[in-house]
Amino acid sequence: MTDIQLYTKLADLPIELKKRVSDYIDSLMAREQSADKTGKRKAGLAKGLISVKDNFNDPIEGFEDYI
């Protein structure tokens, strides 16, 4: 939907519905702004949850010929 199509629909609405649409747009923008502030990642939240085995770098059996 283009801006012109949206504007045309909005222009045809009665004043009461225009007010509701305006309020809805405001609530969407406020929700988006609050999501931006709280959606930041924090480093180190998974610390200690992942471990690497001691033999991680050892060759895999059956793949020696391909290296």
PDB file of N, CA and C in Angstrom:
ATOM      1  N   MET A   1       0.847  -1.166   0.000  1.00  0.00           N
ATOM      2  CA  MET A   1       0.000   0.000   0.000  1.00  0.00           C
ATOM      3  C   MET A   1       0.898   1.235   0.000  1.00  0.00           C
ATOM      4  N   THR A   2       0.619   2.138  -0.902  1.00  0.00           N
ATOM      5  CA  THR A   2       1.408   3.363  -0.988  1.00  0.00           C
ATOM      6  C   THR A   2       0.891   4.397   0.004  1.00  0.00           C
ATOM      7  N   ASP A   3       1.678   5.430   0.212  1.00  0.00           N
ATOM      8  CA  ASP A   3       1.261   6.509   1.111  1.00  0.00           C
ATOM      9  C   ASP A   3       0.016   7.210   0.580  1.00  0.00           C
ATOM     10  N   ILE A   4      -0.053   7.349  -0.735  1.00  0.00           N
ATOM     11  CA  ILE A   4      -1.217   8.032  -1.330  1.00  0.00           C
ATOM     12  C   ILE A   4      -2.483   7.220  -1.106  1.00  0.00           C
ATOM     13  N   GLN A   5      -2.395   5.890  -1.260  1.00  0.00           N
ATOM     14  CA  GLN A   5      -3.566   5.044  -1.018  1.00  0.00           C
ATOM     15  C   GLN A   5      -3.994   5.122   0.443  1.00  0.00           C
ATOM     16  N   LEU A   6      -3.032   5.108   1.327  1.00  0.00           N
ATOM     17  CA  LEU A   6      -3.333   5.215   2.749  1.00  0.00           C
ATOM     18  C   LEU A   6      -3.956   6.569   3.076  1.00  0.00           C
ATOM     19  N   TYR A   7      -3.405   7.620   2.517  1.00  0.00           N
ATOM     20  CA  TYR A   7      -3.944   8.950   2.761  1.00  0.00           C
ATOM     21  C   TYR A   7      -5.370   9.064   2.233  1.00  0.00           C
ATOM     22  N   THR A   8      -5.635   8.465   1.073  1.00  0.00           N
ATOM     23  CA  THR A   8      -6.981   8.519   0.493  1.00  0.00           C
ATOM     24  C   THR A   8      -7.981   7.825   1.411  1.00  0.00           C
ATOM     25  N   LYS A   9      -7.614   6.684   1.919  1.00  0.00           N
ATOM     26  CA  LYS A   9      -8.496   5.975   2.855  1.00  0.00           C
ATOM     27  C   LYS A   9      -8.721   6.812   4.110  1.00  0.00           C
ATOM     28  N   LEU A  10      -7.648   7.384   4.622  1.00  0.00           N
ATOM     29  CA  LEU A  10      -7.747   8.190   5.835  1.00  0.00           C
ATOM     30  C   LEU A  10      -8.620   9.424   5.612  1.00  0.00           C
ATOM     31  N   ALA A  11      -8.483  10.038   4.452  1.00  0.00           N
ATOM     32  CA  ALA A  11      -9.258  11.246   4.154  1.00  0.00           C
ATOM     33  C   ALA A  11     -10.755  10.965   4.080  1.00  0.00           C
ATOM     34  N   ASP A  12     -11.127   9.739   3.728  1.00  0.00           N
ATOM     35  CA  ASP A  12     -12.542   9.387   3.613  1.00  0.00           C
ATOM     36  C   ASP A  12     -13.196   9.029   4.943  1.00  0.00           C
ATOM     37  N   LEU A  13     -12.402   8.889   5.986  1.00  0.00           N
ATOM     38  CA  LEU A  13     -12.955   8.496   7.288  1.00  0.00           C
ATOM     39  C   LEU A  13     -13.639   9.666   7.980  1.00  0.00           C
ATOM     40  N   PRO A  14     -14.665   9.353   8.794  1.00  0.00           N
ATOM     41  CA  PRO A  14     -15.262  10.401   9.637  1.00  0.00           C
ATOM     42  C   PRO A  14     -14.254  10.840  10.718  1.00  0.00           C
ATOM     43  N   ILE A  15     -14.459  12.000  11.265  1.00  0.00           N
ATOM     44  CA  ILE A  15     -13.517  12.600  12.212  1.00  0.00           C
ATOM     45  C   ILE A  15     -13.274  11.709  13.437  1.00  0.00           C
ATOM     46  N   GLU A  16     -14.311  10.996  13.912  1.00  0.00           N
ATOM     47  CA  GLU A  16     -14.140  10.131  15.092  1.00  0.00           C
ATOM     48  C   GLU A  16     -13.168   8.992  14.788  1.00  0.00           C
ATOM     49  N   LEU A  17     -13.292   8.421  13.601  1.00  0.00           N
ATOM     50  CA  LEU A  17     -12.394   7.333  13.222  1.00  0.00           C
ATOM     51  C   LEU A  17     -10.984   7.842  12.952  1.00  0.00           C
ATOM     52  N   LYS A  18     -10.872   9.056  12.440  1.00  0.00           N
ATOM     53  CA  LYS A  18      -9.547   9.642  12.235  1.00  0.00           C
ATOM     54  C   LYS A  18      -8.817   9.781  13.557  1.00  0.00           C
ATOM     55  N   LYS A  19      -9.539  10.162  14.600  1.00  0.00           N
ATOM     56  CA  LYS A  19      -8.953  10.293  15.935  1.00  0.00           C
ATOM     57  C   LYS A  19      -8.473   8.931  16.435  1.00  0.00           C
ATOM     58  N   ARG A  20      -9.277   7.884  16.213  1.00  0.00           N
ATOM     59  CA  ARG A  20      -8.889   6.538  16.647  1.00  0.00           C
ATOM     60  C   ARG A  20      -7.661   6.049  15.882  1.00  0.00           C
ATOM     61  N   VAL A  21      -7.611   6.340  14.595  1.00  0.00           N
ATOM     62  CA  VAL A  21      -6.461   5.950  13.792  1.00  0.00           C
ATOM     63  C   VAL A  21      -5.212   6.678  14.284  1.00  0.00           C
ATOM     64  N   SER A  22      -5.354   7.951  14.585  1.00  0.00           N
ATOM     65  CA  SER A  22      -4.228   8.732  15.091  1.00  0.00           C
ATOM     66  C   SER A  22      -3.721   8.165  16.421  1.00  0.00           C
ATOM     67  N   ASP A  23      -4.637   7.817  17.307  1.00  0.00           N
ATOM     68  CA  ASP A  23      -4.260   7.227  18.593  1.00  0.00           C
ATOM     69  C   ASP A  23      -3.556   5.888  18.395  1.00  0.00           C
ATOM     70  N   TYR A  24      -4.059   5.101  17.437  1.00  0.00           N
ATOM     71  CA  TYR A  24      -3.452   3.799  17.168  1.00  0.00           C
ATOM     72  C   TYR A  24      -2.033   3.968  16.625  1.00  0.00           C
ATOM     73  N   ILE A  25      -1.845   4.903  15.739  1.00  0.00           N
ATOM     74  CA  ILE A  25      -0.513   5.174  15.191  1.00  0.00           C
ATOM     75  C   ILE A  25       0.436   5.608  16.314  1.00  0.00           C
ATOM     76  N   ASP A  26      -0.046   6.457  17.201  1.00  0.00           N
ATOM     77  CA  ASP A  26       0.771   6.891  18.338  1.00  0.00           C
ATOM     78  C   ASP A  26       1.168   5.705  19.215  1.00  0.00           C
ATOM     79  N   SER A  27       0.226   4.783  19.455  1.00  0.00           N
ATOM     80  CA  SER A  27       0.541   3.624  20.296  1.00  0.00           C
ATOM     81  C   SER A  27       1.538   2.703  19.602  1.00  0.00           C
ATOM     82  N   LEU A  28       1.428   2.553  18.285  1.00  0.00           N
ATOM     83  CA  LEU A  28       2.398   1.741  17.553  1.00  0.00           C
ATOM     84  C   LEU A  28       3.797   2.343  17.630  1.00  0.00           C
ATOM     85  N   MET A  29       3.889   3.639  17.481  1.00  0.00           N
ATOM     86  CA  MET A  29       5.189   4.304  17.539  1.00  0.00           C
ATOM     87  C   MET A  29       5.789   4.222  18.935  1.00  0.00           C
ATOM     88  N   ALA A  30       4.968   4.366  19.963  1.00  0.00           N
ATOM     89  CA  ALA A  30       5.456   4.267  21.339  1.00  0.00           C
ATOM     90  C   ALA A  30       5.944   2.853  21.636  1.00  0.00           C
ATOM     91  N   ARG A  31       5.223   1.852  21.151  1.00  0.00           N
ATOM     92  CA  ARG A  31       5.623   0.463  21.358  1.00  0.00           C
ATOM     93  C   ARG A  31       6.948   0.180  20.645  1.00  0.00           C
ATOM     94  N   GLU A  32       7.102   0.719  19.452  1.00  0.00           N
ATOM     95  CA  GLU A  32       8.332   0.522  18.690  1.00  0.00           C
ATOM     96  C   GLU A  32       9.521   1.173  19.394  1.00  0.00           C
ATOM     97  N   GLN A  33       9.314   2.356  19.924  1.00  0.00           N
ATOM     98  CA  GLN A  33      10.392   3.053  20.628  1.00  0.00           C
ATOM     99  C   GLN A  33      10.769   2.323  21.907  1.00  0.00           C
ATOM    100  N   SER A  34       9.794   1.782  22.633  1.00  0.00           N
ATOM    101  CA  SER A  34      10.113   1.060  23.866  1.00  0.00           C
ATOM    102  C   SER A  34      10.793  -0.265  23.548  1.00  0.00           C
ATOM    103  N   ALA A  35      10.459  -0.890  22.431  1.00  0.00           N
ATOM    104  CA  ALA A  35      11.118  -2.139  22.041  1.00  0.00           C
ATOM    105  C   ALA A  35      12.571  -1.877  21.674  1.00  0.00           C
ATOM    106  N   ASP A  36      12.850  -0.740  21.059  1.00  0.00           N
ATOM    107  CA  ASP A  36      14.225  -0.396  20.710  1.00  0.00           C
ATOM    108  C   ASP A  36      15.087  -0.232  21.961  1.00  0.00           C
ATOM    109  N   LYS A  37      14.530   0.327  23.006  1.00  0.00           N
ATOM    110  CA  LYS A  37      15.294   0.574  24.221  1.00  0.00           C
ATOM    111  C   LYS A  37      15.535  -0.709  25.005  1.00  0.00           C
ATOM    112  N   THR A  38      14.542  -1.604  25.051  1.00  0.00           N
ATOM    113  CA  THR A  38      14.676  -2.809  25.863  1.00  0.00           C
ATOM    114  C   THR A  38      15.192  -3.988  25.061  1.00  0.00           C
ATOM    115  N   GLY A  39      15.280  -3.890  23.754  1.00  0.00           N
ATOM    116  CA  GLY A  39      15.679  -5.003  22.918  1.00  0.00           C
ATOM    117  C   GLY A  39      17.178  -5.165  22.746  1.00  0.00           C
ATOM    118  N   LYS A  40      17.963  -4.377  23.445  1.00  0.00           N
ATOM    119  CA  LYS A  40      19.415  -4.464  23.315  1.00  0.00           C
ATOM    120  C   LYS A  40      19.917  -5.748  23.975  1.00  0.00           C
ATOM    121  N   ARG A  41      20.878  -6.369  23.311  1.00  0.00           N
ATOM    122  CA  ARG A  41      21.474  -7.578  23.868  1.00  0.00           C
ATOM    123  C   ARG A  41      22.519  -7.229  24.926  1.00  0.00           C
ATOM    124  N   LYS A  42      22.691  -8.137  25.867  1.00  0.00           N
ATOM    125  CA  LYS A  42      23.715  -7.957  26.890  1.00  0.00           C
ATOM    126  C   LYS A  42      24.738  -9.077  26.736  1.00  0.00           C
ATOM    127  N   ALA A  43      25.977  -8.715  26.703  1.00  0.00           N
ATOM    128  CA  ALA A  43      27.044  -9.690  26.552  1.00  0.00           C
ATOM    129  C   ALA A  43      27.195 -10.509  27.830  1.00  0.00           C
ATOM    130  N   GLY A  44      27.489 -11.790  27.660  1.00  0.00           N
ATOM    131  CA  GLY A  44      27.803 -12.646  28.792  1.00  0.00           C
ATOM    132  C   GLY A  44      26.630 -13.354  29.436  1.00  0.00           C
ATOM    133  N   LEU A  45      25.431 -13.257  28.875  1.00  0.00           N
ATOM    134  CA  LEU A  45      24.278 -13.900  29.502  1.00  0.00           C
ATOM    135  C   LEU A  45      24.349 -15.425  29.431  1.00  0.00           C
ATOM    136  N   ALA A  46      25.054 -15.975  28.445  1.00  0.00           N
ATOM    137  CA  ALA A  46      25.166 -17.431  28.306  1.00  0.00           C
ATOM    138  C   ALA A  46      26.467 -17.970  28.884  1.00  0.00           C
ATOM    139  N   LYS A  47      27.191 -17.159  29.595  1.00  0.00           N
ATOM    140  CA  LYS A  47      28.486 -17.581  30.149  1.00  0.00           C
ATOM    141  C   LYS A  47      28.282 -18.786  31.066  1.00  0.00           C
ATOM    142  N   GLY A  48      29.069 -19.825  30.812  1.00  0.00           N
ATOM    143  CA  GLY A  48      28.983 -21.033  31.625  1.00  0.00           C
ATOM    144  C   GLY A  48      27.980 -22.051  31.112  1.00  0.00           C
ATOM    145  N   LEU A  49      27.168 -21.712  30.128  1.00  0.00           N
ATOM    146  CA  LEU A  49      26.170 -22.638  29.608  1.00  0.00           C
ATOM    147  C   LEU A  49      26.706 -23.504  28.474  1.00  0.00           C
ATOM    148  N   ILE A  50      27.792 -23.099  27.876  1.00  0.00           N
ATOM    149  CA  ILE A  50      28.363 -23.821  26.748  1.00  0.00           C
ATOM    150  C   ILE A  50      29.757 -24.295  27.132  1.00  0.00           C
ATOM    151  N   SER A  51      30.027 -25.563  26.830  1.00  0.00           N
ATOM    152  CA  SER A  51      31.364 -26.085  27.103  1.00  0.00           C
ATOM    153  C   SER A  51      31.875 -26.797  25.859  1.00  0.00           C
ATOM    154  N   VAL A  52      33.187 -26.777  25.685  1.00  0.00           N
ATOM    155  CA  VAL A  52      33.836 -27.425  24.555  1.00  0.00           C
ATOM    156  C   VAL A  52      34.624 -28.605  25.102  1.00  0.00           C
ATOM    157  N   LYS A  53      34.424 -29.756  24.494  1.00  0.00           N
ATOM    158  CA  LYS A  53      35.131 -30.965  24.928  1.00  0.00           C
ATOM    159  C   LYS A  53      36.633 -30.812  24.698  1.00  0.00           C
ATOM    160  N   ASP A  54      37.426 -31.537  25.490  1.00  0.00           N
ATOM    161  CA  ASP A  54      38.879 -31.481  25.360  1.00  0.00           C
ATOM    162  C   ASP A  54      39.353 -31.993  24.002  1.00  0.00           C
ATOM    163  N   ASN A  55      38.611 -32.929  23.407  1.00  0.00           N
ATOM    164  CA  ASN A  55      39.024 -33.523  22.139  1.00  0.00           C
ATOM    165  C   ASN A  55      38.369 -32.822  20.932  1.00  0.00           C
ATOM    166  N   PHE A  56      37.972 -31.600  21.075  1.00  0.00           N
ATOM    167  CA  PHE A  56      37.263 -30.866  20.017  1.00  0.00           C
ATOM    168  C   PHE A  56      38.080 -30.787  18.725  1.00  0.00           C
ATOM    169  N   ASN A  57      39.372 -30.557  18.828  1.00  0.00           N
ATOM    170  CA  ASN A  57      40.221 -30.395  17.649  1.00  0.00           C
ATOM    171  C   ASN A  57      40.820 -31.701  17.136  1.00  0.00           C
ATOM    172  N   ASP A  58      40.523 -32.819  17.775  1.00  0.00           N
ATOM    173  CA  ASP A  58      41.032 -34.103  17.311  1.00  0.00           C
ATOM    174  C   ASP A  58      40.375 -34.474  15.979  1.00  0.00           C
ATOM    175  N   PRO A  59      41.105 -35.203  15.131  1.00  0.00           N
ATOM    176  CA  PRO A  59      40.512 -35.612  13.849  1.00  0.00           C
ATOM    177  C   PRO A  59      39.307 -36.540  14.059  1.00  0.00           C
ATOM    178  N   ILE A  60      38.364 -36.471  13.164  1.00  0.00           N
ATOM    179  CA  ILE A  60      37.167 -37.308  13.225  1.00  0.00           C
ATOM    180  C   ILE A  60      37.459 -38.600  12.478  1.00  0.00           C
ATOM    181  N   GLU A  61      37.116 -39.703  13.096  1.00  0.00           N
ATOM    182  CA  GLU A  61      37.374 -40.997  12.465  1.00  0.00           C
ATOM    183  C   GLU A  61      36.621 -41.100  11.148  1.00  0.00           C
ATOM    184  N   GLY A  62      37.310 -41.588  10.115  1.00  0.00           N
ATOM    185  CA  GLY A  62      36.701 -41.756   8.818  1.00  0.00           C
ATOM    186  C   GLY A  62      36.912 -40.585   7.885  1.00  0.00           C
ATOM    187  N   PHE A  63      37.392 -39.468   8.404  1.00  0.00           N
ATOM    188  CA  PHE A  63      37.621 -38.284   7.575  1.00  0.00           C
ATOM    189  C   PHE A  63      39.108 -38.011   7.344  1.00  0.00           C
ATOM    190  N   GLU A  64      39.983 -38.899   7.790  1.00  0.00           N
ATOM    191  CA  GLU A  64      41.424 -38.685   7.664  1.00  0.00           C
ATOM    192  C   GLU A  64      41.844 -38.576   6.190  1.00  0.00           C
ATOM    193  N   ASP A  65      41.187 -39.325   5.298  1.00  0.00           N
ATOM    194  CA  ASP A  65      41.545 -39.326   3.894  1.00  0.00           C
ATOM    195  C   ASP A  65      41.192 -38.023   3.179  1.00  0.00           C
ATOM    196  N   TYR A  66      40.308 -37.249   3.721  1.00  0.00           N
ATOM    197  CA  TYR A  66      39.832 -36.047   3.064  1.00  0.00           C
ATOM    198  C   TYR A  66      40.610 -34.784   3.457  1.00  0.00           C
ATOM    199  N   ILE A  67      41.480 -34.904   4.407  1.00  0.00           N
ATOM    200  CA  ILE A  67      42.222 -33.729   4.867  1.00  0.00           C
ATOM    201  C   ILE A  67      43.501 -33.562   4.092  1.00  0.00           C
TER     202      ILE A  67
END
